[in-house]
Structure formats: C-alpha cells, structure tokens
Amino acid sequence: MPKMKSNNASKKRFRANKNGVIKRGCQNAGHKMTNKTSKRKMRLRNGEQVSKADAPKIKTALGV
C-alpha cells in the first residue's frame, strides 16, 4: 500500500506545534500596509491557531 501524499500548498500555509496545535498566518497582512495602523500591523505579524473544526482536515493534508 503506498504512502499518503501530503499537500504541498498546505505545507506552505500551516505548521504544527509540538503539542499538535496548527498555526496559520493572519489574513489582511499581504498588501496595502500603508493604510493600516502600526498597532494593527504588529498584531498581524503573529500567527493564529486554526479552529478546532478545521484542524482534522488540515492535519490529514499535512500528513501529521
């Protein structure tokens, strides 16, 4: 039986902690940064956790 392939697109977007929690980047942090306040940009730098409903799908895509 062959191994499952992991999804390369999801490898670039998500990463798993050692606890198994999956992190993702914040939205609205791509462009038009001149219109955003420095406080808002500072918050966008940090990642967020994936919701519990979406986590199992992403784990299978990552091969975790």
N, C-alpha and C. Protein backbone atom coordinates (compact mmCIF):
# COMPACT_ATOMS: atom_id res chain seq x y z
N MET A 1 0.85 -1.18 0.00
CA MET A 1 0.00 0.00 0.00
C MET A 1 0.90 1.25 0.00
N PRO A 2 0.69 2.18 -0.91
CA PRO A 2 1.55 3.37 -0.96
C PRO A 2 1.23 4.35 0.16
N LYS A 3 2.21 5.20 0.44
CA LYS A 3 2.02 6.21 1.48
C LYS A 3 1.11 7.32 0.97
N MET A 4 0.47 8.01 1.92
CA MET A 4 -0.35 9.17 1.57
C MET A 4 0.56 10.33 1.22
N LYS A 5 0.23 11.07 0.18
CA LYS A 5 0.99 12.26 -0.16
C LYS A 5 0.49 13.44 0.66
N SER A 6 1.41 14.24 1.16
CA SER A 6 1.00 15.46 1.86
C SER A 6 0.78 16.55 0.82
N ASN A 7 -0.11 17.47 1.15
CA ASN A 7 -0.46 18.55 0.24
C ASN A 7 0.59 19.65 0.34
N ASN A 8 1.27 19.95 -0.79
CA ASN A 8 2.35 20.93 -0.76
C ASN A 8 1.85 22.33 -0.47
N ALA A 9 0.65 22.67 -0.92
CA ALA A 9 0.10 24.00 -0.66
C ALA A 9 -0.16 24.20 0.83
N SER A 10 -0.63 23.17 1.50
CA SER A 10 -0.90 23.30 2.94
C SER A 10 0.41 23.31 3.74
N LYS A 11 1.46 22.68 3.23
CA LYS A 11 2.75 22.74 3.92
C LYS A 11 3.28 24.16 3.97
N LYS A 12 2.98 24.95 2.95
CA LYS A 12 3.46 26.33 2.89
C LYS A 12 2.63 27.26 3.77
N ARG A 13 1.39 26.90 4.06
CA ARG A 13 0.49 27.80 4.78
C ARG A 13 0.36 27.50 6.26
N PHE A 14 0.55 26.24 6.66
CA PHE A 14 0.31 25.84 8.04
C PHE A 14 1.54 25.16 8.61
N ARG A 15 1.67 25.22 9.94
CA ARG A 15 2.70 24.45 10.61
C ARG A 15 2.15 23.98 11.96
N ALA A 16 2.61 22.83 12.39
CA ALA A 16 2.11 22.24 13.62
C ALA A 16 3.12 22.45 14.75
N ASN A 17 2.62 22.76 15.95
CA ASN A 17 3.45 22.85 17.13
C ASN A 17 3.80 21.45 17.60
N LYS A 18 4.67 21.37 18.61
CA LYS A 18 4.97 20.06 19.16
C LYS A 18 3.78 19.50 19.95
N ASN A 19 2.85 20.40 20.36
CA ASN A 19 1.65 19.95 21.06
C ASN A 19 0.57 19.47 20.10
N GLY A 20 0.77 19.66 18.80
CA GLY A 20 -0.22 19.25 17.82
C GLY A 20 -1.16 20.35 17.40
N VAL A 21 -0.96 21.57 17.93
CA VAL A 21 -1.80 22.70 17.55
C VAL A 21 -1.29 23.24 16.22
N ILE A 22 -2.20 23.52 15.31
CA ILE A 22 -1.81 24.01 13.99
C ILE A 22 -1.94 25.52 13.95
N LYS A 23 -0.87 26.18 13.48
CA LYS A 23 -0.86 27.64 13.38
C LYS A 23 -0.96 28.05 11.92
N ARG A 24 -1.48 29.26 11.72
CA ARG A 24 -1.60 29.83 10.39
C ARG A 24 -1.27 31.30 10.47
N GLY A 25 -1.03 31.92 9.32
CA GLY A 25 -0.79 33.35 9.28
C GLY A 25 -2.10 34.12 9.32
N CYS A 26 -2.02 35.37 9.74
CA CYS A 26 -3.21 36.21 9.81
C CYS A 26 -3.60 36.69 8.42
N GLN A 27 -4.87 36.91 8.24
CA GLN A 27 -5.33 37.47 6.97
C GLN A 27 -5.16 38.98 7.00
N ASN A 28 -5.25 39.61 5.84
CA ASN A 28 -5.12 41.06 5.65
C ASN A 28 -3.71 41.56 5.95
N ALA A 29 -2.70 40.70 5.86
CA ALA A 29 -1.33 41.13 6.12
C ALA A 29 -0.50 41.07 4.85
N GLY A 30 -1.13 41.06 3.69
CA GLY A 30 -0.39 40.88 2.45
C GLY A 30 0.04 42.17 1.78
N HIS A 31 -0.84 43.11 1.66
CA HIS A 31 -0.51 44.34 0.93
C HIS A 31 -1.34 45.48 1.49
N LYS A 32 -1.13 46.68 0.95
CA LYS A 32 -1.79 47.91 1.42
C LYS A 32 -1.51 48.14 2.90
N MET A 33 -0.25 48.02 3.27
CA MET A 33 0.10 48.17 4.67
C MET A 33 0.20 49.64 5.09
N THR A 34 0.22 50.55 4.12
CA THR A 34 0.32 51.97 4.48
C THR A 34 -0.97 52.48 5.10
N ASN A 35 -2.08 51.86 4.79
CA ASN A 35 -3.37 52.30 5.34
C ASN A 35 -3.62 51.77 6.74
N LYS A 36 -2.84 50.78 7.18
CA LYS A 36 -3.09 50.15 8.47
C LYS A 36 -2.23 50.81 9.54
N THR A 37 -2.77 50.87 10.75
CA THR A 37 -2.02 51.46 11.85
C THR A 37 -0.90 50.52 12.28
N SER A 38 0.09 51.08 12.96
CA SER A 38 1.23 50.27 13.39
C SER A 38 0.80 49.24 14.43
N LYS A 39 -0.19 49.56 15.24
CA LYS A 39 -0.71 48.62 16.23
C LYS A 39 -1.35 47.42 15.54
N ARG A 40 -2.08 47.68 14.48
CA ARG A 40 -2.75 46.61 13.74
C ARG A 40 -1.73 45.73 13.02
N LYS A 41 -0.71 46.36 12.43
CA LYS A 41 0.33 45.61 11.74
C LYS A 41 1.13 44.74 12.70
N MET A 42 1.33 45.25 13.92
CA MET A 42 2.05 44.50 14.93
C MET A 42 1.28 43.23 15.31
N ARG A 43 -0.03 43.34 15.41
CA ARG A 43 -0.85 42.17 15.73
C ARG A 43 -0.89 41.17 14.58
N LEU A 44 -0.82 41.67 13.34
CA LEU A 44 -0.89 40.79 12.18
C LEU A 44 0.38 39.96 12.00
N ARG A 45 1.49 40.40 12.60
CA ARG A 45 2.74 39.66 12.47
C ARG A 45 2.64 38.29 13.11
N ASN A 46 1.96 38.20 14.24
CA ASN A 46 1.85 36.94 14.96
C ASN A 46 0.83 36.05 14.27
N GLY A 47 1.05 34.76 14.31
CA GLY A 47 0.11 33.82 13.73
C GLY A 47 -1.08 33.58 14.64
N GLU A 48 -2.03 32.84 14.12
CA GLU A 48 -3.20 32.45 14.90
C GLU A 48 -3.35 30.95 14.83
N GLN A 49 -4.16 30.42 15.75
CA GLN A 49 -4.43 28.99 15.73
C GLN A 49 -5.58 28.70 14.79
N VAL A 50 -5.52 27.53 14.18
CA VAL A 50 -6.61 27.08 13.31
C VAL A 50 -7.77 26.65 14.20
N SER A 51 -8.99 26.84 13.73
CA SER A 51 -10.15 26.46 14.54
C SER A 51 -10.20 24.95 14.72
N LYS A 52 -10.86 24.52 15.77
CA LYS A 52 -10.94 23.09 16.09
C LYS A 52 -11.71 22.32 15.02
N ALA A 53 -12.64 22.99 14.35
CA ALA A 53 -13.42 22.32 13.31
C ALA A 53 -12.57 22.02 12.08
N ASP A 54 -11.63 22.91 11.74
CA ASP A 54 -10.81 22.74 10.56
C ASP A 54 -9.54 21.95 10.80
N ALA A 55 -9.15 21.78 12.05
CA ALA A 55 -7.87 21.16 12.36
C ALA A 55 -7.72 19.73 11.82
N PRO A 56 -8.73 18.85 11.92
CA PRO A 56 -8.54 17.49 11.41
C PRO A 56 -8.29 17.43 9.91
N LYS A 57 -8.97 18.28 9.14
CA LYS A 57 -8.76 18.30 7.69
C LYS A 57 -7.34 18.72 7.35
N ILE A 58 -6.85 19.74 8.06
CA ILE A 58 -5.50 20.25 7.78
C ILE A 58 -4.45 19.27 8.22
N LYS A 59 -4.70 18.54 9.31
CA LYS A 59 -3.74 17.53 9.76
C LYS A 59 -3.59 16.42 8.74
N THR A 60 -4.69 16.02 8.12
CA THR A 60 -4.57 14.98 7.09
C THR A 60 -3.86 15.50 5.86
N ALA A 61 -4.07 16.77 5.52
CA ALA A 61 -3.38 17.36 4.37
C ALA A 61 -1.89 17.49 4.63
N LEU A 62 -1.51 17.80 5.87
CA LEU A 62 -0.11 17.94 6.22
C LEU A 62 0.57 16.58 6.40
N GLY A 63 -0.21 15.56 6.69
CA GLY A 63 0.36 14.26 6.97
C GLY A 63 0.85 14.14 8.39
N VAL A 64 0.23 14.90 9.31
CA VAL A 64 0.63 14.87 10.73
C VAL A 64 -0.11 13.76 11.44
